[in-house]
């Protein structure tokens, strides 16, 4: 049993992973996920404004920030990861873009 995994190593690894996951989602004051331009672009898109490259790039940047990576070819989670990123962007939009929604 020379190569047996020591329980304390497994425990230390689990604590490290859990700590990293928990600390990455901590609120940091006034940090926002969407810029003012992205809020404006998303508002325009939702209101049916004509499609432009700038609006598409703003939406794509928001989706990438939410964890979607379109450059990954043959992604086995393709529709699910895009939909998850869209849900996250919708949450950010509702909480961070209130002024753009009204204007």
PDB file of N, CA and C in Angstrom:
ATOM      1  N   UNK A   1       0.824  -1.195   0.000  1.00  0.00           N
ATOM      2  CA  UNK A   1       0.000   0.000   0.000  1.00  0.00           C
ATOM      3  C   UNK A   1       0.861   1.249   0.000  1.00  0.00           C
ATOM      4  N   UNK A   2       1.921   1.231  -0.757  1.00  0.00           N
ATOM      5  CA  UNK A   2       2.782   2.403  -0.842  1.00  0.00           C
ATOM      6  C   UNK A   2       2.085   3.573  -1.517  1.00  0.00           C
ATOM      7  N   UNK A   3       1.238   3.301  -2.494  1.00  0.00           N
ATOM      8  CA  UNK A   3       0.611   4.352  -3.288  1.00  0.00           C
ATOM      9  C   UNK A   3      -0.789   4.725  -2.818  1.00  0.00           C
ATOM     10  N   UNK A   4      -1.155   4.357  -1.625  1.00  0.00           N
ATOM     11  CA  UNK A   4      -2.493   4.685  -1.115  1.00  0.00           C
ATOM     12  C   UNK A   4      -2.605   6.185  -0.908  1.00  0.00           C
ATOM     13  N   UNK A   5      -3.765   6.731  -1.239  1.00  0.00           N
ATOM     14  CA  UNK A   5      -4.000   8.165  -1.068  1.00  0.00           C
ATOM     15  C   UNK A   5      -4.282   8.434   0.400  1.00  0.00           C
ATOM     16  N   UNK A   6      -3.570   9.360   0.937  1.00  0.00           N
ATOM     17  CA  UNK A   6      -3.736   9.690   2.347  1.00  0.00           C
ATOM     18  C   UNK A   6      -4.987  10.550   2.522  1.00  0.00           C
ATOM     19  N   UNK A   7      -5.829  10.212   3.498  1.00  0.00           N
ATOM     20  CA  UNK A   7      -7.084  10.958   3.692  1.00  0.00           C
ATOM     21  C   UNK A   7      -6.868  12.454   3.907  1.00  0.00           C
ATOM     22  N   UNK A   8      -5.808  12.833   4.566  1.00  0.00           N
ATOM     23  CA  UNK A   8      -5.593  14.256   4.825  1.00  0.00           C
ATOM     24  C   UNK A   8      -5.280  15.019   3.539  1.00  0.00           C
ATOM     25  N   UNK A   9      -4.671  14.354   2.551  1.00  0.00           N
ATOM     26  CA  UNK A   9      -4.418  15.007   1.268  1.00  0.00           C
ATOM     27  C   UNK A   9      -5.726  15.260   0.517  1.00  0.00           C
ATOM     28  N   UNK A  10      -6.621  14.278   0.560  1.00  0.00           N
ATOM     29  CA  UNK A  10      -7.916  14.435  -0.088  1.00  0.00           C
ATOM     30  C   UNK A  10      -8.695  15.557   0.590  1.00  0.00           C
ATOM     31  N   UNK A  11      -8.672  15.572   1.925  1.00  0.00           N
ATOM     32  CA  UNK A  11      -9.368  16.620   2.669  1.00  0.00           C
ATOM     33  C   UNK A  11      -8.796  18.000   2.344  1.00  0.00           C
ATOM     34  N   UNK A  12      -7.485  18.112   2.303  1.00  0.00           N
ATOM     35  CA  UNK A  12      -6.852  19.399   1.996  1.00  0.00           C
ATOM     36  C   UNK A  12      -7.216  19.862   0.585  1.00  0.00           C
ATOM     37  N   UNK A  13      -7.246  18.936  -0.358  1.00  0.00           N
ATOM     38  CA  UNK A  13      -7.620  19.297  -1.725  1.00  0.00           C
ATOM     39  C   UNK A  13      -9.069  19.754  -1.794  1.00  0.00           C
ATOM     40  N   UNK A  14      -9.954  19.068  -1.088  1.00  0.00           N
ATOM     41  CA  UNK A  14     -11.370  19.451  -1.089  1.00  0.00           C
ATOM     42  C   UNK A  14     -11.564  20.831  -0.469  1.00  0.00           C
ATOM     43  N   UNK A  15     -10.884  21.098   0.629  1.00  0.00           N
ATOM     44  CA  UNK A  15     -10.987  22.411   1.274  1.00  0.00           C
ATOM     45  C   UNK A  15     -10.494  23.497   0.335  1.00  0.00           C
ATOM     46  N   UNK A  16      -9.421  23.237  -0.367  1.00  0.00           N
ATOM     47  CA  UNK A  16      -8.870  24.214  -1.307  1.00  0.00           C
ATOM     48  C   UNK A  16      -9.851  24.518  -2.434  1.00  0.00           C
ATOM     49  N   UNK A  17     -10.455  23.488  -2.995  1.00  0.00           N
ATOM     50  CA  UNK A  17     -11.407  23.682  -4.088  1.00  0.00           C
ATOM     51  C   UNK A  17     -12.642  24.432  -3.605  1.00  0.00           C
ATOM     52  N   UNK A  18     -13.169  24.031  -2.472  1.00  0.00           N
ATOM     53  CA  UNK A  18     -14.370  24.689  -1.937  1.00  0.00           C
ATOM     54  C   UNK A  18     -14.091  26.142  -1.591  1.00  0.00           C
ATOM     55  N   UNK A  19     -12.941  26.416  -1.019  1.00  0.00           N
ATOM     56  CA  UNK A  19     -12.579  27.795  -0.684  1.00  0.00           C
ATOM     57  C   UNK A  19     -12.461  28.641  -1.941  1.00  0.00           C
ATOM     58  N   UNK A  20     -11.852  28.104  -2.976  1.00  0.00           N
ATOM     59  CA  UNK A  20     -11.723  28.834  -4.235  1.00  0.00           C
ATOM     60  C   UNK A  20     -13.060  29.127  -4.865  1.00  0.00           C
ATOM     61  N   UNK A  21     -13.960  28.165  -4.841  1.00  0.00           N
ATOM     62  CA  UNK A  21     -15.297  28.370  -5.417  1.00  0.00           C
ATOM     63  C   UNK A  21     -16.082  29.403  -4.620  1.00  0.00           C
ATOM     64  N   UNK A  22     -16.006  29.320  -3.322  1.00  0.00           N
ATOM     65  CA  UNK A  22     -16.772  30.235  -2.485  1.00  0.00           C
ATOM     66  C   UNK A  22     -16.248  31.663  -2.587  1.00  0.00           C
ATOM     67  N   UNK A  23     -14.935  31.831  -2.631  1.00  0.00           N
ATOM     68  CA  UNK A  23     -14.382  33.186  -2.649  1.00  0.00           C
ATOM     69  C   UNK A  23     -14.559  33.869  -3.996  1.00  0.00           C
ATOM     70  N   UNK A  24     -14.743  33.124  -5.069  1.00  0.00           N
ATOM     71  CA  UNK A  24     -14.873  33.755  -6.373  1.00  0.00           C
ATOM     72  C   UNK A  24     -16.218  34.450  -6.553  1.00  0.00           C
ATOM     73  N   UNK A  25     -17.221  34.110  -5.760  1.00  0.00           N
ATOM     74  CA  UNK A  25     -18.543  34.702  -5.897  1.00  0.00           C
ATOM     75  C   UNK A  25     -18.852  35.742  -4.829  1.00  0.00           C
ATOM     76  N   UNK A  26     -17.859  36.129  -4.054  1.00  0.00           N
ATOM     77  CA  UNK A  26     -18.110  37.107  -3.007  1.00  0.00           C
ATOM     78  C   UNK A  26     -18.349  38.483  -3.616  1.00  0.00           C
ATOM     79  N   UNK A  27     -19.342  39.216  -3.113  1.00  0.00           N
ATOM     80  CA  UNK A  27     -19.555  40.560  -3.634  1.00  0.00           C
ATOM     81  C   UNK A  27     -18.393  41.464  -3.260  1.00  0.00           C
ATOM     82  N   UNK A  28     -18.011  42.333  -4.162  1.00  0.00           N
ATOM     83  CA  UNK A  28     -16.875  43.214  -3.901  1.00  0.00           C
ATOM     84  C   UNK A  28     -17.291  44.670  -4.020  1.00  0.00           C
ATOM     85  N   UNK A  29     -18.306  45.039  -3.313  1.00  0.00           N
ATOM     86  CA  UNK A  29     -18.727  46.432  -3.302  1.00  0.00           C
ATOM     87  C   UNK A  29     -19.501  46.817  -4.539  1.00  0.00           C
ATOM     88  N   UNK A  30     -18.954  47.767  -5.303  1.00  0.00           N
ATOM     89  CA  UNK A  30     -19.676  48.311  -6.443  1.00  0.00           C
ATOM     90  C   UNK A  30     -19.275  47.665  -7.767  1.00  0.00           C
ATOM     91  N   UNK A  31     -18.687  46.489  -7.722  1.00  0.00           N
ATOM     92  CA  UNK A  31     -18.285  45.812  -8.959  1.00  0.00           C
ATOM     93  C   UNK A  31     -19.526  45.496  -9.793  1.00  0.00           C
ATOM     94  N   UNK A  32     -19.453  45.815 -11.071  1.00  0.00           N
ATOM     95  CA  UNK A  32     -20.544  45.483 -11.980  1.00  0.00           C
ATOM     96  C   UNK A  32     -20.025  44.517 -13.032  1.00  0.00           C
ATOM     97  N   UNK A  33     -20.938  43.760 -13.575  1.00  0.00           N
ATOM     98  CA  UNK A  33     -20.572  42.782 -14.587  1.00  0.00           C
ATOM     99  C   UNK A  33     -20.770  43.331 -15.990  1.00  0.00           C
ATOM    100  N   UNK A  34     -21.681  44.277 -16.128  1.00  0.00           N
ATOM    101  CA  UNK A  34     -21.992  44.853 -17.434  1.00  0.00           C
ATOM    102  C   UNK A  34     -21.585  46.320 -17.456  1.00  0.00           C
ATOM    103  N   UNK A  35     -20.975  46.733 -18.551  1.00  0.00           N
ATOM    104  CA  UNK A  35     -20.614  48.140 -18.699  1.00  0.00           C
ATOM    105  C   UNK A  35     -21.848  48.938 -19.115  1.00  0.00           C
ATOM    106  N   UNK A  36     -21.726  50.244 -19.079  1.00  0.00           N
ATOM    107  CA  UNK A  36     -22.841  51.103 -19.507  1.00  0.00           C
ATOM    108  C   UNK A  36     -23.162  50.857 -20.987  1.00  0.00           C
ATOM    109  N   UNK A  37     -22.137  50.657 -21.803  1.00  0.00           N
ATOM    110  CA  UNK A  37     -22.362  50.385 -23.231  1.00  0.00           C
ATOM    111  C   UNK A  37     -23.077  49.054 -23.423  1.00  0.00           C
ATOM    112  N   UNK A  38     -22.700  48.043 -22.637  1.00  0.00           N
ATOM    113  CA  UNK A  38     -23.375  46.749 -22.736  1.00  0.00           C
ATOM    114  C   UNK A  38     -24.836  46.857 -22.290  1.00  0.00           C
ATOM    115  N   UNK A  39     -25.090  47.616 -21.229  1.00  0.00           N
ATOM    116  CA  UNK A  39     -26.479  47.832 -20.801  1.00  0.00           C
ATOM    117  C   UNK A  39     -27.277  48.499 -21.924  1.00  0.00           C
ATOM    118  N   UNK A  40     -26.689  49.501 -22.548  1.00  0.00           N
ATOM    119  CA  UNK A  40     -27.360  50.194 -23.643  1.00  0.00           C
ATOM    120  C   UNK A  40     -27.613  49.253 -24.821  1.00  0.00           C
ATOM    121  N   UNK A  41     -26.594  48.460 -25.176  1.00  0.00           N
ATOM    122  CA  UNK A  41     -26.738  47.517 -26.290  1.00  0.00           C
ATOM    123  C   UNK A  41     -27.804  46.468 -25.995  1.00  0.00           C
ATOM    124  N   UNK A  42     -27.792  45.912 -24.796  1.00  0.00           N
ATOM    125  CA  UNK A  42     -28.786  44.901 -24.439  1.00  0.00           C
ATOM    126  C   UNK A  42     -30.190  45.483 -24.413  1.00  0.00           C
ATOM    127  N   UNK A  43     -30.324  46.732 -23.956  1.00  0.00           N
ATOM    128  CA  UNK A  43     -31.629  47.390 -23.965  1.00  0.00           C
ATOM    129  C   UNK A  43     -32.110  47.577 -25.396  1.00  0.00           C
ATOM    130  N   UNK A  44     -31.207  48.026 -26.279  1.00  0.00           N
ATOM    131  CA  UNK A  44     -31.568  48.202 -27.689  1.00  0.00           C
ATOM    132  C   UNK A  44     -31.999  46.880 -28.320  1.00  0.00           C
ATOM    133  N   UNK A  45     -31.257  45.823 -28.044  1.00  0.00           N
ATOM    134  CA  UNK A  45     -31.588  44.511 -28.600  1.00  0.00           C
ATOM    135  C   UNK A  45     -32.961  44.063 -28.115  1.00  0.00           C
ATOM    136  N   UNK A  46     -33.228  44.245 -26.833  1.00  0.00           N
ATOM    137  CA  UNK A  46     -34.513  43.815 -26.276  1.00  0.00           C
ATOM    138  C   UNK A  46     -35.679  44.661 -26.776  1.00  0.00           C
ATOM    139  N   UNK A  47     -35.389  45.880 -27.198  1.00  0.00           N
ATOM    140  CA  UNK A  47     -36.441  46.752 -27.720  1.00  0.00           C
ATOM    141  C   UNK A  47     -36.600  46.643 -29.230  1.00  0.00           C
ATOM    142  N   UNK A  48     -35.884  45.711 -29.860  1.00  0.00           N
ATOM    143  CA  UNK A  48     -36.044  45.476 -31.287  1.00  0.00           C
ATOM    144  C   UNK A  48     -35.322  46.445 -32.189  1.00  0.00           C
ATOM    145  N   UNK A  49     -34.265  47.075 -31.701  1.00  0.00           N
ATOM    146  CA  UNK A  49     -33.489  47.994 -32.537  1.00  0.00           C
ATOM    147  C   UNK A  49     -32.784  47.207 -33.639  1.00  0.00           C
ATOM    148  N   UNK A  50     -32.444  47.874 -34.737  1.00  0.00           N
ATOM    149  CA  UNK A  50     -31.747  47.183 -35.832  1.00  0.00           C
ATOM    150  C   UNK A  50     -30.435  46.553 -35.353  1.00  0.00           C
ATOM    151  N   UNK A  51     -30.096  45.425 -35.938  1.00  0.00           N
ATOM    152  CA  UNK A  51     -28.885  44.700 -35.570  1.00  0.00           C
ATOM    153  C   UNK A  51     -27.664  45.464 -36.085  1.00  0.00           C
ATOM    154  N   UNK A  52     -26.678  45.635 -35.203  1.00  0.00           N
ATOM    155  CA  UNK A  52     -25.393  46.224 -35.605  1.00  0.00           C
ATOM    156  C   UNK A  52     -24.274  45.352 -35.058  1.00  0.00           C
ATOM    157  N   UNK A  53     -23.116  45.490 -35.647  1.00  0.00           N
ATOM    158  CA  UNK A  53     -21.953  44.725 -35.170  1.00  0.00           C
ATOM    159  C   UNK A  53     -21.611  45.092 -33.730  1.00  0.00           C
ATOM    160  N   UNK A  54     -21.710  46.368 -33.389  1.00  0.00           N
ATOM    161  CA  UNK A  54     -21.379  46.815 -32.037  1.00  0.00           C
ATOM    162  C   UNK A  54     -22.315  46.186 -31.008  1.00  0.00           C
ATOM    163  N   UNK A  55     -23.600  46.136 -31.319  1.00  0.00           N
ATOM    164  CA  UNK A  55     -24.552  45.527 -30.386  1.00  0.00           C
ATOM    165  C   UNK A  55     -24.280  44.035 -30.231  1.00  0.00           C
ATOM    166  N   UNK A  56     -24.011  43.369 -31.348  1.00  0.00           N
ATOM    167  CA  UNK A  56     -23.705  41.939 -31.287  1.00  0.00           C
ATOM    168  C   UNK A  56     -22.444  41.684 -30.467  1.00  0.00           C
ATOM    169  N   UNK A  57     -21.417  42.506 -30.654  1.00  0.00           N
ATOM    170  CA  UNK A  57     -20.175  42.328 -29.907  1.00  0.00           C
ATOM    171  C   UNK A  57     -20.374  42.617 -28.420  1.00  0.00           C
ATOM    172  N   UNK A  58     -21.223  43.585 -28.096  1.00  0.00           N
ATOM    173  CA  UNK A  58     -21.528  43.873 -26.694  1.00  0.00           C
ATOM    174  C   UNK A  58     -22.237  42.707 -26.029  1.00  0.00           C
ATOM    175  N   UNK A  59     -23.200  42.128 -26.746  1.00  0.00           N
ATOM    176  CA  UNK A  59     -23.914  40.973 -26.205  1.00  0.00           C
ATOM    177  C   UNK A  59     -22.977  39.773 -26.061  1.00  0.00           C
ATOM    178  N   UNK A  60     -22.126  39.546 -27.059  1.00  0.00           N
ATOM    179  CA  UNK A  60     -21.181  38.437 -26.995  1.00  0.00           C
ATOM    180  C   UNK A  60     -20.202  38.610 -25.834  1.00  0.00           C
ATOM    181  N   UNK A  61     -19.724  39.830 -25.616  1.00  0.00           N
ATOM    182  CA  UNK A  61     -18.807  40.079 -24.501  1.00  0.00           C
ATOM    183  C   UNK A  61     -19.484  39.779 -23.171  1.00  0.00           C
ATOM    184  N   UNK A  62     -20.746  40.146 -23.029  1.00  0.00           N
ATOM    185  CA  UNK A  62     -21.486  39.853 -21.799  1.00  0.00           C
ATOM    186  C   UNK A  62     -21.651  38.350 -21.614  1.00  0.00           C
ATOM    187  N   UNK A  63     -21.967  37.635 -22.699  1.00  0.00           N
ATOM    188  CA  UNK A  63     -22.125  36.179 -22.612  1.00  0.00           C
ATOM    189  C   UNK A  63     -20.801  35.506 -22.248  1.00  0.00           C
ATOM    190  N   UNK A  64     -19.700  36.006 -22.809  1.00  0.00           N
ATOM    191  CA  UNK A  64     -18.391  35.435 -22.473  1.00  0.00           C
ATOM    192  C   UNK A  64     -18.053  35.688 -21.015  1.00  0.00           C
ATOM    193  N   UNK A  65     -18.390  36.857 -20.513  1.00  0.00           N
ATOM    194  CA  UNK A  65     -18.138  37.162 -19.101  1.00  0.00           C
ATOM    195  C   UNK A  65     -18.953  36.248 -18.190  1.00  0.00           C
ATOM    196  N   UNK A  66     -20.112  35.818 -18.690  1.00  0.00           N
ATOM    197  CA  UNK A  66     -20.977  34.913 -17.928  1.00  0.00           C
ATOM    198  C   UNK A  66     -20.562  33.449 -18.076  1.00  0.00           C
ATOM    199  N   UNK A  67     -19.529  33.173 -18.866  1.00  0.00           N
ATOM    200  CA  UNK A  67     -18.998  31.823 -18.937  1.00  0.00           C
ATOM    201  C   UNK A  67     -19.193  31.091 -20.242  1.00  0.00           C
ATOM    202  N   UNK A  68     -19.765  31.727 -21.244  1.00  0.00           N
ATOM    203  CA  UNK A  68     -19.946  31.071 -22.537  1.00  0.00           C
ATOM    204  C   UNK A  68     -18.698  31.278 -23.382  1.00  0.00           C
ATOM    205  N   UNK A  69     -18.232  30.226 -24.016  1.00  0.00           N
ATOM    206  CA  UNK A  69     -17.027  30.287 -24.844  1.00  0.00           C
ATOM    207  C   UNK A  69     -17.330  29.746 -26.227  1.00  0.00           C
ATOM    208  N   UNK A  70     -17.672  30.608 -27.184  1.00  0.00           N
ATOM    209  CA  UNK A  70     -18.052  30.131 -28.516  1.00  0.00           C
ATOM    210  C   UNK A  70     -16.898  29.517 -29.298  1.00  0.00           C
ATOM    211  N   UNK A  71     -15.673  29.767 -28.901  1.00  0.00           N
ATOM    212  CA  UNK A  71     -14.541  29.236 -29.652  1.00  0.00           C
ATOM    213  C   UNK A  71     -14.275  27.762 -29.351  1.00  0.00           C
ATOM    214  N   UNK A  72     -14.907  27.204 -28.331  1.00  0.00           N
ATOM    215  CA  UNK A  72     -14.721  25.790 -28.030  1.00  0.00           C
ATOM    216  C   UNK A  72     -15.485  24.966 -29.055  1.00  0.00           C
ATOM    217  N   UNK A  73     -14.773  24.299 -29.913  1.00  0.00           N
ATOM    218  CA  UNK A  73     -15.456  23.487 -30.926  1.00  0.00           C
ATOM    219  C   UNK A  73     -15.848  22.143 -30.319  1.00  0.00           C
ATOM    220  N   UNK A  74     -16.898  21.605 -30.842  1.00  0.00           N
ATOM    221  CA  UNK A  74     -17.425  20.326 -30.389  1.00  0.00           C
ATOM    222  C   UNK A  74     -17.733  20.332 -28.890  1.00  0.00           C
ATOM    223  N   UNK A  75     -18.305  21.405 -28.407  1.00  0.00           N
ATOM    224  CA  UNK A  75     -18.671  21.528 -26.999  1.00  0.00           C
ATOM    225  C   UNK A  75     -19.836  20.582 -26.701  1.00  0.00           C
ATOM    226  N   UNK A  76     -19.643  19.595 -25.835  1.00  0.00           N
ATOM    227  CA  UNK A  76     -20.721  18.653 -25.563  1.00  0.00           C
ATOM    228  C   UNK A  76     -21.887  19.282 -24.802  1.00  0.00           C
ATOM    229  N   UNK A  77     -21.682  20.451 -24.241  1.00  0.00           N
ATOM    230  CA  UNK A  77     -22.731  21.117 -23.462  1.00  0.00           C
ATOM    231  C   UNK A  77     -23.305  22.316 -24.210  1.00  0.00           C
ATOM    232  N   UNK A  78     -23.174  22.331 -25.557  1.00  0.00           N
ATOM    233  CA  UNK A  78     -23.464  23.530 -26.341  1.00  0.00           C
ATOM    234  C   UNK A  78     -24.767  24.247 -26.005  1.00  0.00           C
ATOM    235  N   UNK A  79     -25.911  23.724 -26.170  1.00  0.00           N
ATOM    236  CA  UNK A  79     -27.032  24.629 -25.909  1.00  0.00           C
ATOM    237  C   UNK A  79     -27.168  24.962 -24.431  1.00  0.00           C
ATOM    238  N   UNK A  80     -26.811  24.031 -23.568  1.00  0.00           N
ATOM    239  CA  UNK A  80     -26.990  24.263 -22.134  1.00  0.00           C
ATOM    240  C   UNK A  80     -26.072  25.370 -21.615  1.00  0.00           C
ATOM    241  N   UNK A  81     -24.810  25.396 -22.046  1.00  0.00           N
ATOM    242  CA  UNK A  81     -23.907  26.432 -21.534  1.00  0.00           C
ATOM    243  C   UNK A  81     -24.256  27.814 -22.079  1.00  0.00           C
ATOM    244  N   UNK A  82     -24.734  27.885 -23.303  1.00  0.00           N
ATOM    245  CA  UNK A  82     -25.183  29.170 -23.845  1.00  0.00           C
ATOM    246  C   UNK A  82     -26.421  29.657 -23.099  1.00  0.00           C
ATOM    247  N   UNK A  83     -27.359  28.771 -22.840  1.00  0.00           N
ATOM    248  CA  UNK A  83     -28.576  29.155 -22.119  1.00  0.00           C
ATOM    249  C   UNK A  83     -28.272  29.573 -20.692  1.00  0.00           C
ATOM    250  N   UNK A  84     -27.325  28.902 -20.046  1.00  0.00           N
ATOM    251  CA  UNK A  84     -26.931  29.282 -18.691  1.00  0.00           C
ATOM    252  C   UNK A  84     -26.310  30.678 -18.688  1.00  0.00           C
ATOM    253  N   UNK A  85     -25.473  30.962 -19.677  1.00  0.00           N
ATOM    254  CA  UNK A  85     -24.859  32.292 -19.774  1.00  0.00           C
ATOM    255  C   UNK A  85     -25.929  33.345 -20.051  1.00  0.00           C
ATOM    256  N   UNK A  86     -26.908  33.018 -20.885  1.00  0.00           N
ATOM    257  CA  UNK A  86     -27.988  33.970 -21.157  1.00  0.00           C
ATOM    258  C   UNK A  86     -28.802  34.256 -19.899  1.00  0.00           C
ATOM    259  N   UNK A  87     -29.063  33.227 -19.108  1.00  0.00           N
ATOM    260  CA  UNK A  87     -29.783  33.449 -17.841  1.00  0.00           C
ATOM    261  C   UNK A  87     -28.978  34.349 -16.916  1.00  0.00           C
ATOM    262  N   UNK A  88     -27.654  34.128 -16.840  1.00  0.00           N
ATOM    263  CA  UNK A  88     -26.808  34.950 -15.978  1.00  0.00           C
ATOM    264  C   UNK A  88     -26.783  36.397 -16.459  1.00  0.00           C
ATOM    265  N   UNK A  89     -26.674  36.603 -17.761  1.00  0.00           N
ATOM    266  CA  UNK A  89     -26.687  37.965 -18.308  1.00  0.00           C
ATOM    267  C   UNK A  89     -28.037  38.625 -18.024  1.00  0.00           C
ATOM    268  N   UNK A  90     -29.130  37.885 -18.113  1.00  0.00           N
ATOM    269  CA  UNK A  90     -30.448  38.438 -17.785  1.00  0.00           C
ATOM    270  C   UNK A  90     -30.515  38.886 -16.339  1.00  0.00           C
ATOM    271  N   UNK A  91     -29.935  38.109 -15.439  1.00  0.00           N
ATOM    272  CA  UNK A  91     -29.905  38.490 -14.018  1.00  0.00           C
ATOM    273  C   UNK A  91     -29.099  39.772 -13.849  1.00  0.00           C
ATOM    274  N   UNK A  92     -27.924  39.817 -14.460  1.00  0.00           N
ATOM    275  CA  UNK A  92     -27.102  41.025 -14.379  1.00  0.00           C
ATOM    276  C   UNK A  92     -27.836  42.218 -14.971  1.00  0.00           C
ATOM    277  N   UNK A  93     -28.506  42.002 -16.084  1.00  0.00           N
ATOM    278  CA  UNK A  93     -29.229  43.086 -16.752  1.00  0.00           C
ATOM    279  C   UNK A  93     -30.315  43.637 -15.836  1.00  0.00           C
ATOM    280  N   UNK A  94     -31.075  42.756 -15.193  1.00  0.00           N
ATOM    281  CA  UNK A  94     -32.144  43.195 -14.300  1.00  0.00           C
ATOM    282  C   UNK A  94     -31.611  43.974 -13.101  1.00  0.00           C
ATOM    283  N   UNK A  95     -30.449  43.584 -12.584  1.00  0.00           N
ATOM    284  CA  UNK A  95     -29.923  44.224 -11.383  1.00  0.00           C
ATOM    285  C   UNK A  95     -29.028  45.432 -11.660  1.00  0.00           C
ATOM    286  N   UNK A  96     -28.358  45.451 -12.817  1.00  0.00           N
ATOM    287  CA  UNK A  96     -27.365  46.499 -13.058  1.00  0.00           C
ATOM    288  C   UNK A  96     -27.763  47.535 -14.095  1.00  0.00           C
ATOM    289  N   UNK A  97     -28.784  47.258 -14.881  1.00  0.00           N
ATOM    290  CA  UNK A  97     -29.109  48.143 -15.992  1.00  0.00           C
ATOM    291  C   UNK A  97     -30.476  48.805 -15.839  1.00  0.00           C
ATOM    292  N   UNK A  98     -30.873  49.105 -14.635  1.00  0.00           N
ATOM    293  CA  UNK A  98     -32.192  49.678 -14.387  1.00  0.00           C
ATOM    294  C   UNK A  98     -32.363  51.010 -15.104  1.00  0.00           C
ATOM    295  N   UNK A  99     -31.343  51.855 -15.090  1.00  0.00           N
ATOM    296  CA  UNK A  99     -31.454  53.174 -15.732  1.00  0.00           C
ATOM    297  C   UNK A  99     -31.591  53.032 -17.243  1.00  0.00           C
ATOM    298  N   UNK A 100     -30.867  52.095 -17.833  1.00  0.00           N
ATOM    299  CA  UNK A 100     -30.940  51.904 -19.281  1.00  0.00           C
ATOM    300  C   UNK A 100     -32.306  51.344 -19.684  1.00  0.00           C
ATOM    301  N   UNK A 101     -32.906  50.541 -18.828  1.00  0.00           N
ATOM    302  CA  UNK A 101     -34.228  49.979 -19.125  1.00  0.00           C
ATOM    303  C   UNK A 101     -35.289  51.066 -19.151  1.00  0.00           C
ATOM    304  N   UNK A 102     -35.177  52.035 -18.248  1.00  0.00           N
ATOM    305  CA  UNK A 102     -36.154  53.116 -18.180  1.00  0.00           C
ATOM    306  C   UNK A 102     -35.976  54.121 -19.296  1.00  0.00           C
ATOM    307  N   UNK A 103     -34.711  54.353 -19.678  1.00  0.00           N
ATOM    308  CA  UNK A 103     -34.403  55.386 -20.664  1.00  0.00           C
ATOM    309  C   UNK A 103     -34.669  54.926 -22.017  1.00  0.00           C
TER     310      UNK A 103
END
